Amino acid sequence: MEFLLRKVVFFRYNYYVGNNEEAARMSGINVDLVKVTGYVIVAVLAGFSGILMAARMGTASVTIGSMTNLNVLAACVLGGASFSGGQGTVLGAVLEHSCSNCSLTH
């Protein structure tokens, strides 16, 4: 994922839009297109992960995975990401999530 954020233009545009939307717009980035495309990608991935979770559990319920969102948010924030966007790295979030999983299981 870090490779995508550094090398692929679309993901860099997402990073720029998250950091300063107005500056990204003034530098020639189509902010609306980047935001809509990003939301579509996230929605498709969320649907796919829901299908995988239902297949793994053998059932589909609205309460499956209800607490995982808090773990993911905690991992991102403690890993260095900002709620205002444009800051943090994937590596920081992955390292923090790994550390928190180790501390919870042992």
C-alpha atoms as a PDB file:
ATOM      1  CA  MET A   1       0.000   0.000   0.000  1.00  0.00           C
ATOM      2  CA  GLU A   2       2.862   2.355   0.743  1.00  0.00           C
ATOM      3  CA  PHE A   3       4.101   1.747  -2.807  1.00  0.00           C
ATOM      4  CA  LEU A   4       0.721   2.792  -4.188  1.00  0.00           C
ATOM      5  CA  LEU A   5       0.689   5.993  -2.138  1.00  0.00           C
ATOM      6  CA  ARG A   6       4.166   6.954  -3.310  1.00  0.00           C
ATOM      7  CA  LYS A   7       4.173   5.874  -6.964  1.00  0.00           C
ATOM      8  CA  VAL A   8       0.629   5.777  -8.386  1.00  0.00           C
ATOM      9  CA  VAL A   9      -0.694   9.180  -9.430  1.00  0.00           C
ATOM     10  CA  PHE A  10      -4.301   8.586  -8.328  1.00  0.00           C
ATOM     11  CA  PHE A  11      -3.287   7.630  -4.799  1.00  0.00           C
ATOM     12  CA  ARG A  12      -0.939  10.608  -4.550  1.00  0.00           C
ATOM     13  CA  TYR A  13      -3.818  12.829  -5.619  1.00  0.00           C
ATOM     14  CA  ASN A  14      -5.899  11.328  -2.813  1.00  0.00           C
ATOM     15  CA  TYR A  15      -3.122  12.168  -0.368  1.00  0.00           C
ATOM     16  CA  TYR A  16      -2.922  15.753  -1.672  1.00  0.00           C
ATOM     17  CA  VAL A  17      -6.684  16.245  -1.572  1.00  0.00           C
ATOM     18  CA  GLY A  18      -6.761  14.961   2.002  1.00  0.00           C
ATOM     19  CA  ASN A  19      -4.015  17.334   3.041  1.00  0.00           C
ATOM     20  CA  ASN A  20      -5.338  20.556   1.488  1.00  0.00           C
ATOM     21  CA  GLU A  21      -8.309  20.393  -0.832  1.00  0.00           C
ATOM     22  CA  GLU A  22      -8.093  23.986  -2.024  1.00  0.00           C
ATOM     23  CA  ALA A  23      -4.362  23.773  -2.789  1.00  0.00           C
ATOM     24  CA  ALA A  24      -4.949  20.540  -4.702  1.00  0.00           C
ATOM     25  CA  ARG A  25      -7.694  22.221  -6.726  1.00  0.00           C
ATOM     26  CA  MET A  26      -5.438  25.188  -7.513  1.00  0.00           C
ATOM     27  CA  SER A  27      -2.634  22.878  -8.635  1.00  0.00           C
ATOM     28  CA  GLY A  28      -4.878  21.359 -11.297  1.00  0.00           C
ATOM     29  CA  ILE A  29      -6.200  18.234  -9.587  1.00  0.00           C
ATOM     30  CA  ASN A  30      -9.852  17.452 -10.275  1.00  0.00           C
ATOM     31  CA  VAL A  31     -10.795  17.223  -6.586  1.00  0.00           C
ATOM     32  CA  ASP A  32     -14.399  16.157  -7.137  1.00  0.00           C
ATOM     33  CA  LEU A  33     -13.383  13.295  -9.421  1.00  0.00           C
ATOM     34  CA  VAL A  34     -10.713  12.115  -6.978  1.00  0.00           C
ATOM     35  CA  LYS A  35     -13.150  12.177  -4.059  1.00  0.00           C
ATOM     36  CA  VAL A  36     -15.956  10.372  -5.895  1.00  0.00           C
ATOM     37  CA  THR A  37     -13.584   7.752  -7.290  1.00  0.00           C
ATOM     38  CA  GLY A  38     -12.100   7.236  -3.844  1.00  0.00           C
ATOM     39  CA  TYR A  39     -15.544   6.739  -2.319  1.00  0.00           C
ATOM     40  CA  VAL A  40     -16.481   4.250  -5.037  1.00  0.00           C
ATOM     41  CA  ILE A  41     -13.288   2.249  -4.471  1.00  0.00           C
ATOM     42  CA  VAL A  42     -13.889   2.193  -0.709  1.00  0.00           C
ATOM     43  CA  ALA A  43     -17.521   1.122  -1.198  1.00  0.00           C
ATOM     44  CA  VAL A  44     -16.543  -1.752  -3.502  1.00  0.00           C
ATOM     45  CA  LEU A  45     -13.842  -2.919  -1.082  1.00  0.00           C
ATOM     46  CA  ALA A  46     -16.251  -2.689   1.864  1.00  0.00           C
ATOM     47  CA  GLY A  47     -18.819  -4.777   0.000  1.00  0.00           C
ATOM     48  CA  PHE A  48     -16.188  -7.334  -0.910  1.00  0.00           C
ATOM     49  CA  SER A  49     -14.945  -7.525   2.680  1.00  0.00           C
ATOM     50  CA  GLY A  50     -18.532  -8.014   3.871  1.00  0.00           C
ATOM     51  CA  ILE A  51     -18.932 -10.928   1.479  1.00  0.00           C
ATOM     52  CA  LEU A  52     -15.658 -12.446   2.681  1.00  0.00           C
ATOM     53  CA  MET A  53     -16.647 -12.005   6.335  1.00  0.00           C
ATOM     54  CA  ALA A  54     -20.028 -13.646   5.739  1.00  0.00           C
ATOM     55  CA  ALA A  55     -18.358 -16.540   3.942  1.00  0.00           C
ATOM     56  CA  ARG A  56     -15.837 -16.955   6.753  1.00  0.00           C
ATOM     57  CA  MET A  57     -18.450 -16.911   9.512  1.00  0.00           C
ATOM     58  CA  GLY A  58     -20.970 -18.993   7.599  1.00  0.00           C
ATOM     59  CA  THR A  59     -23.729 -16.500   8.277  1.00  0.00           C
ATOM     60  CA  ALA A  60     -24.687 -12.948   7.447  1.00  0.00           C
ATOM     61  CA  SER A  61     -25.622 -10.713  10.343  1.00  0.00           C
ATOM     62  CA  VAL A  62     -25.495  -6.978  10.856  1.00  0.00           C
ATOM     63  CA  THR A  63     -23.667  -7.396  14.168  1.00  0.00           C
ATOM     64  CA  ILE A  64     -20.708  -9.372  12.787  1.00  0.00           C
ATOM     65  CA  GLY A  65     -17.628  -7.193  12.988  1.00  0.00           C
ATOM     66  CA  SER A  66     -19.353  -4.394  14.872  1.00  0.00           C
ATOM     67  CA  MET A  67     -16.317  -3.767  17.094  1.00  0.00           C
ATOM     68  CA  THR A  68     -13.649  -4.059  14.402  1.00  0.00           C
ATOM     69  CA  ASN A  69     -14.166  -0.461  13.302  1.00  0.00           C
ATOM     70  CA  LEU A  70     -12.937   0.789  16.681  1.00  0.00           C
ATOM     71  CA  ASN A  71      -9.810  -1.362  16.429  1.00  0.00           C
ATOM     72  CA  VAL A  72      -9.064  -0.064  12.959  1.00  0.00           C
ATOM     73  CA  LEU A  73      -9.583   3.580  13.973  1.00  0.00           C
ATOM     74  CA  ALA A  74      -7.361   3.128  17.020  1.00  0.00           C
ATOM     75  CA  ALA A  75      -4.632   1.530  14.912  1.00  0.00           C
ATOM     76  CA  CYS A  76      -4.707   4.364  12.386  1.00  0.00           C
ATOM     77  CA  VAL A  77      -4.685   7.160  14.957  1.00  0.00           C
ATOM     78  CA  LEU A  78      -2.013   5.591  17.140  1.00  0.00           C
ATOM     79  CA  GLY A  79      -0.015   4.803  14.010  1.00  0.00           C
ATOM     80  CA  GLY A  80       0.217   8.493  13.139  1.00  0.00           C
ATOM     81  CA  ALA A  81      -2.757   9.195  10.864  1.00  0.00           C
ATOM     82  CA  SER A  82      -4.725  12.403  11.310  1.00  0.00           C
ATOM     83  CA  PHE A  83      -8.515  12.749  11.304  1.00  0.00           C
ATOM     84  CA  SER A  84      -8.131  15.903   9.230  1.00  0.00           C
ATOM     85  CA  GLY A  85      -6.359  13.893   6.503  1.00  0.00           C
ATOM     86  CA  GLY A  86      -3.157  14.139   4.529  1.00  0.00           C
ATOM     87  CA  GLN A  87      -0.849  12.922   7.294  1.00  0.00           C
ATOM     88  CA  GLY A  88       0.440   9.546   8.392  1.00  0.00           C
ATOM     89  CA  THR A  89       1.728   6.471   6.648  1.00  0.00           C
ATOM     90  CA  VAL A  90       0.421   3.007   5.999  1.00  0.00           C
ATOM     91  CA  LEU A  91       3.486   1.545   7.695  1.00  0.00           C
ATOM     92  CA  GLY A  92       2.709   3.380  10.953  1.00  0.00           C
ATOM     93  CA  ALA A  93      -0.851   2.052  11.049  1.00  0.00           C
ATOM     94  CA  VAL A  94       0.215  -1.506  10.215  1.00  0.00           C
ATOM     95  CA  LEU A  95       2.947  -1.496  12.864  1.00  0.00           C
ATOM     96  CA  GLU A  96       0.591  -0.169  15.526  1.00  0.00           C
ATOM     97  CA  HIS A  97      -2.110  -2.660  14.594  1.00  0.00           C
ATOM     98  CA  SER A  98       0.418  -5.505  14.812  1.00  0.00           C
ATOM     99  CA  CYS A  99       1.622  -4.305  18.210  1.00  0.00           C
ATOM    100  CA  SER A 100      -1.901  -3.971  19.568  1.00  0.00           C
ATOM    101  CA  ASN A 101      -2.833  -7.453  18.332  1.00  0.00           C
ATOM    102  CA  CYS A 102       0.246  -8.931  20.016  1.00  0.00           C
ATOM    103  CA  SER A 103      -0.564  -7.201  23.289  1.00  0.00           C
ATOM    104  CA  LEU A 104      -4.200  -8.327  23.199  1.00  0.00           C
ATOM    105  CA  THR A 105      -3.463 -11.962  22.463  1.00  0.00           C
ATOM    106  CA  HIS A 106      -0.653 -12.526  24.979  1.00  0.00           C
END
